[in-house]
N, C-alpha and C. Protein backbone atom coordinates (compact mmCIF):
# COMPACT_ATOMS: atom_id res chain seq x y z
N ALA A 1 19.75 1.20 -0.31
CA ALA A 1 20.15 1.97 0.86
C ALA A 1 21.40 1.33 1.47
N THR A 2 22.20 2.15 2.07
CA THR A 2 23.38 1.65 2.76
C THR A 2 23.31 2.06 4.22
N ARG A 3 23.85 1.20 5.05
CA ARG A 3 23.84 1.49 6.48
C ARG A 3 24.97 2.44 6.83
N GLU A 4 24.63 3.50 7.54
CA GLU A 4 25.60 4.46 8.05
C GLU A 4 25.32 4.63 9.53
N GLY A 5 26.10 3.95 10.36
CA GLY A 5 25.87 3.98 11.80
C GLY A 5 24.57 3.27 12.13
N GLN A 6 23.66 3.95 12.79
CA GLN A 6 22.37 3.38 13.18
C GLN A 6 21.26 3.67 12.16
N SER A 7 21.61 4.25 11.00
CA SER A 7 20.61 4.64 10.00
C SER A 7 20.90 4.02 8.65
N TYR A 8 19.89 3.96 7.80
CA TYR A 8 20.05 3.57 6.41
C TYR A 8 19.82 4.81 5.55
N ILE A 9 20.72 5.06 4.62
CA ILE A 9 20.64 6.22 3.74
C ILE A 9 20.49 5.73 2.31
N GLY A 10 19.51 6.28 1.60
CA GLY A 10 19.29 5.89 0.21
C GLY A 10 18.52 6.97 -0.51
N PHE A 11 18.49 6.88 -1.81
CA PHE A 11 17.78 7.84 -2.65
C PHE A 11 16.82 7.09 -3.56
N VAL A 12 15.63 7.65 -3.75
CA VAL A 12 14.61 7.02 -4.58
C VAL A 12 14.05 8.04 -5.56
N LYS A 13 13.51 7.52 -6.68
CA LYS A 13 12.86 8.38 -7.67
C LYS A 13 11.39 8.58 -7.33
N HIS A 14 10.83 7.69 -6.53
CA HIS A 14 9.45 7.82 -6.08
C HIS A 14 9.36 7.18 -4.69
N LEU A 15 8.29 7.48 -3.98
CA LEU A 15 8.11 6.95 -2.63
C LEU A 15 7.08 5.84 -2.64
N SER A 16 7.37 4.81 -1.89
CA SER A 16 6.41 3.74 -1.64
C SER A 16 6.72 3.20 -0.25
N SER A 17 5.84 2.41 0.27
CA SER A 17 6.09 1.87 1.61
C SER A 17 6.60 0.44 1.49
N TRP A 18 7.82 0.23 1.87
CA TRP A 18 8.40 -1.10 1.89
C TRP A 18 9.50 -1.11 2.92
N ASN A 19 9.52 -2.08 3.77
CA ASN A 19 10.51 -2.19 4.82
C ASN A 19 11.78 -2.79 4.20
N ILE A 20 12.82 -1.99 4.01
CA ILE A 20 14.00 -2.46 3.29
C ILE A 20 14.79 -3.53 4.04
N ASP A 21 14.55 -3.70 5.34
CA ASP A 21 15.26 -4.76 6.04
C ASP A 21 14.49 -6.07 6.05
N PHE A 22 13.31 -6.12 5.41
CA PHE A 22 12.54 -7.36 5.33
C PHE A 22 13.23 -8.31 4.35
N LYS A 23 13.56 -9.52 4.82
CA LYS A 23 14.32 -10.45 4.00
C LYS A 23 13.47 -11.59 3.44
N GLY A 24 12.18 -11.61 3.73
CA GLY A 24 11.33 -12.70 3.27
C GLY A 24 10.80 -12.48 1.87
N ASP A 25 10.00 -13.43 1.42
CA ASP A 25 9.36 -13.31 0.11
C ASP A 25 8.29 -12.24 0.16
N LYS A 26 8.04 -11.64 -1.01
CA LYS A 26 7.00 -10.62 -1.06
C LYS A 26 5.93 -11.01 -2.07
N SER A 27 4.76 -10.49 -1.84
CA SER A 27 3.61 -10.69 -2.72
C SER A 27 3.02 -9.32 -3.00
N THR A 28 1.94 -9.29 -3.75
CA THR A 28 1.23 -8.04 -3.97
C THR A 28 -0.23 -8.21 -3.63
N ILE A 29 -0.83 -7.13 -3.22
CA ILE A 29 -2.27 -7.08 -3.05
C ILE A 29 -2.76 -5.96 -3.95
N HIS A 30 -3.79 -6.24 -4.71
CA HIS A 30 -4.36 -5.19 -5.56
C HIS A 30 -5.86 -5.41 -5.63
N GLY A 31 -6.56 -4.33 -5.85
CA GLY A 31 -8.01 -4.42 -5.92
C GLY A 31 -8.59 -3.14 -6.48
N LYS A 32 -9.91 -3.09 -6.49
CA LYS A 32 -10.63 -1.94 -7.02
C LYS A 32 -11.76 -1.63 -6.06
N VAL A 33 -11.90 -0.35 -5.69
CA VAL A 33 -12.96 0.08 -4.80
C VAL A 33 -14.03 0.75 -5.66
N ILE A 34 -15.26 0.23 -5.55
CA ILE A 34 -16.38 0.79 -6.32
C ILE A 34 -17.54 1.12 -5.39
N ASP A 35 -18.43 1.98 -5.86
CA ASP A 35 -19.61 2.33 -5.07
C ASP A 35 -20.78 1.40 -5.40
N CYS A 36 -21.95 1.68 -4.84
CA CYS A 36 -23.13 0.82 -5.05
C CYS A 36 -23.59 0.80 -6.50
N ASN A 37 -23.19 1.80 -7.28
CA ASN A 37 -23.54 1.85 -8.71
C ASN A 37 -22.43 1.28 -9.59
N LYS A 38 -21.46 0.62 -8.96
CA LYS A 38 -20.31 0.02 -9.63
C LYS A 38 -19.40 1.05 -10.30
N LEU A 39 -19.42 2.28 -9.76
CA LEU A 39 -18.52 3.34 -10.24
C LEU A 39 -17.27 3.36 -9.38
N PRO A 40 -16.08 3.54 -9.97
CA PRO A 40 -14.83 3.55 -9.19
C PRO A 40 -14.78 4.74 -8.23
N ILE A 41 -14.16 4.50 -7.09
CA ILE A 41 -14.01 5.55 -6.08
C ILE A 41 -12.56 6.00 -6.07
N ASN A 42 -12.34 7.24 -6.50
CA ASN A 42 -11.01 7.85 -6.53
C ASN A 42 -10.68 8.39 -5.14
N GLY A 43 -9.48 8.11 -4.65
CA GLY A 43 -9.02 8.69 -3.39
C GLY A 43 -9.46 7.95 -2.14
N ALA A 44 -10.05 6.76 -2.28
CA ALA A 44 -10.37 5.97 -1.10
C ALA A 44 -9.08 5.55 -0.41
N LEU A 45 -9.09 5.54 0.91
CA LEU A 45 -7.91 5.13 1.67
C LEU A 45 -8.05 3.66 2.05
N VAL A 46 -7.14 2.84 1.55
CA VAL A 46 -7.14 1.41 1.82
C VAL A 46 -6.05 1.14 2.86
N ASN A 47 -6.45 0.63 4.01
CA ASN A 47 -5.53 0.34 5.10
C ASN A 47 -5.20 -1.15 5.05
N ILE A 48 -3.95 -1.46 4.73
CA ILE A 48 -3.49 -2.85 4.66
C ILE A 48 -2.58 -3.10 5.84
N ASP A 49 -3.19 -3.50 6.94
CA ASP A 49 -2.46 -3.79 8.17
C ASP A 49 -1.55 -2.64 8.60
N GLY A 50 -2.08 -1.41 8.52
CA GLY A 50 -1.34 -0.23 8.96
C GLY A 50 -0.65 0.53 7.86
N VAL A 51 -0.58 -0.02 6.67
CA VAL A 51 0.00 0.68 5.51
C VAL A 51 -1.17 1.26 4.72
N ILE A 52 -1.18 2.57 4.53
CA ILE A 52 -2.27 3.24 3.84
C ILE A 52 -1.89 3.50 2.39
N VAL A 53 -2.75 3.05 1.48
CA VAL A 53 -2.59 3.36 0.06
C VAL A 53 -3.88 4.02 -0.41
N LYS A 54 -3.77 4.86 -1.42
CA LYS A 54 -4.92 5.59 -1.94
C LYS A 54 -5.28 5.05 -3.32
N THR A 55 -6.59 4.93 -3.57
CA THR A 55 -7.02 4.46 -4.89
C THR A 55 -6.79 5.55 -5.94
N ASP A 56 -6.55 5.10 -7.18
CA ASP A 56 -6.36 6.03 -8.28
C ASP A 56 -7.71 6.43 -8.87
N SER A 57 -7.70 7.16 -9.97
CA SER A 57 -8.95 7.66 -10.56
C SER A 57 -9.85 6.54 -11.07
N SER A 58 -9.29 5.35 -11.24
CA SER A 58 -10.09 4.19 -11.66
C SER A 58 -10.51 3.33 -10.47
N GLY A 59 -10.19 3.78 -9.24
CA GLY A 59 -10.54 3.04 -8.04
C GLY A 59 -9.58 1.92 -7.69
N ASN A 60 -8.48 1.81 -8.42
CA ASN A 60 -7.53 0.73 -8.22
C ASN A 60 -6.50 1.05 -7.14
N PHE A 61 -6.03 0.00 -6.45
CA PHE A 61 -4.91 0.14 -5.51
C PHE A 61 -3.98 -1.05 -5.68
N PHE A 62 -2.73 -0.86 -5.23
CA PHE A 62 -1.68 -1.87 -5.37
C PHE A 62 -0.68 -1.66 -4.24
N GLN A 63 -0.21 -2.74 -3.66
CA GLN A 63 0.79 -2.62 -2.59
C GLN A 63 1.57 -3.91 -2.48
N TRP A 64 2.90 -3.79 -2.30
CA TRP A 64 3.73 -4.95 -1.97
C TRP A 64 3.45 -5.33 -0.53
N ILE A 65 3.42 -6.63 -0.24
CA ILE A 65 3.20 -7.12 1.12
C ILE A 65 4.10 -8.33 1.37
N PRO A 66 4.40 -8.65 2.62
CA PRO A 66 5.14 -9.88 2.91
C PRO A 66 4.29 -11.10 2.56
N SER A 67 4.91 -12.14 2.06
CA SER A 67 4.18 -13.37 1.72
C SER A 67 3.91 -14.21 2.96
N GLY A 68 2.82 -14.95 2.94
CA GLY A 68 2.55 -15.96 3.94
C GLY A 68 2.06 -15.48 5.29
N ILE A 69 1.55 -14.26 5.37
CA ILE A 69 1.01 -13.79 6.64
C ILE A 69 -0.40 -13.27 6.43
N ASP A 70 -1.22 -13.33 7.47
CA ASP A 70 -2.57 -12.79 7.41
C ASP A 70 -2.51 -11.28 7.61
N LEU A 71 -3.29 -10.56 6.84
CA LEU A 71 -3.35 -9.10 6.95
C LEU A 71 -4.79 -8.65 7.07
N LYS A 72 -5.01 -7.57 7.80
CA LYS A 72 -6.33 -6.97 7.91
C LYS A 72 -6.41 -5.82 6.92
N VAL A 73 -7.46 -5.80 6.09
CA VAL A 73 -7.64 -4.75 5.09
C VAL A 73 -8.96 -4.05 5.37
N SER A 74 -8.92 -2.70 5.40
CA SER A 74 -10.15 -1.92 5.55
C SER A 74 -10.08 -0.72 4.61
N ILE A 75 -11.24 -0.16 4.30
CA ILE A 75 -11.33 0.94 3.35
C ILE A 75 -12.09 2.09 3.99
N ASN A 76 -11.56 3.31 3.81
CA ASN A 76 -12.19 4.51 4.34
C ASN A 76 -12.49 5.45 3.17
N ILE A 77 -13.78 5.77 3.00
CA ILE A 77 -14.15 6.72 1.93
C ILE A 77 -14.73 7.99 2.51
N GLU A 78 -14.64 8.20 3.83
CA GLU A 78 -15.13 9.43 4.44
C GLU A 78 -14.36 10.62 3.91
N GLY A 79 -15.05 11.69 3.65
CA GLY A 79 -14.41 12.92 3.20
C GLY A 79 -14.14 12.98 1.71
N ILE A 80 -14.58 11.99 0.97
CA ILE A 80 -14.36 12.00 -0.48
C ILE A 80 -15.52 12.70 -1.15
């Protein structure tokens, strides 16, 4: 992205959540959401400190995060 006045303009081939002005190191968080029968849950909403990611058909999720900070993670499966 390039700065144009008070905005940043850029083009992407896919969308993800990442703060482009963050200059620190990054890490990843990934996991798998399963039910009581150890079956994967597709479409669960994983809230990683305000960033929402959805699990895939195998129950997996992945997200870039800033390194070295504590984050709160919660999972919502209501409506699935």
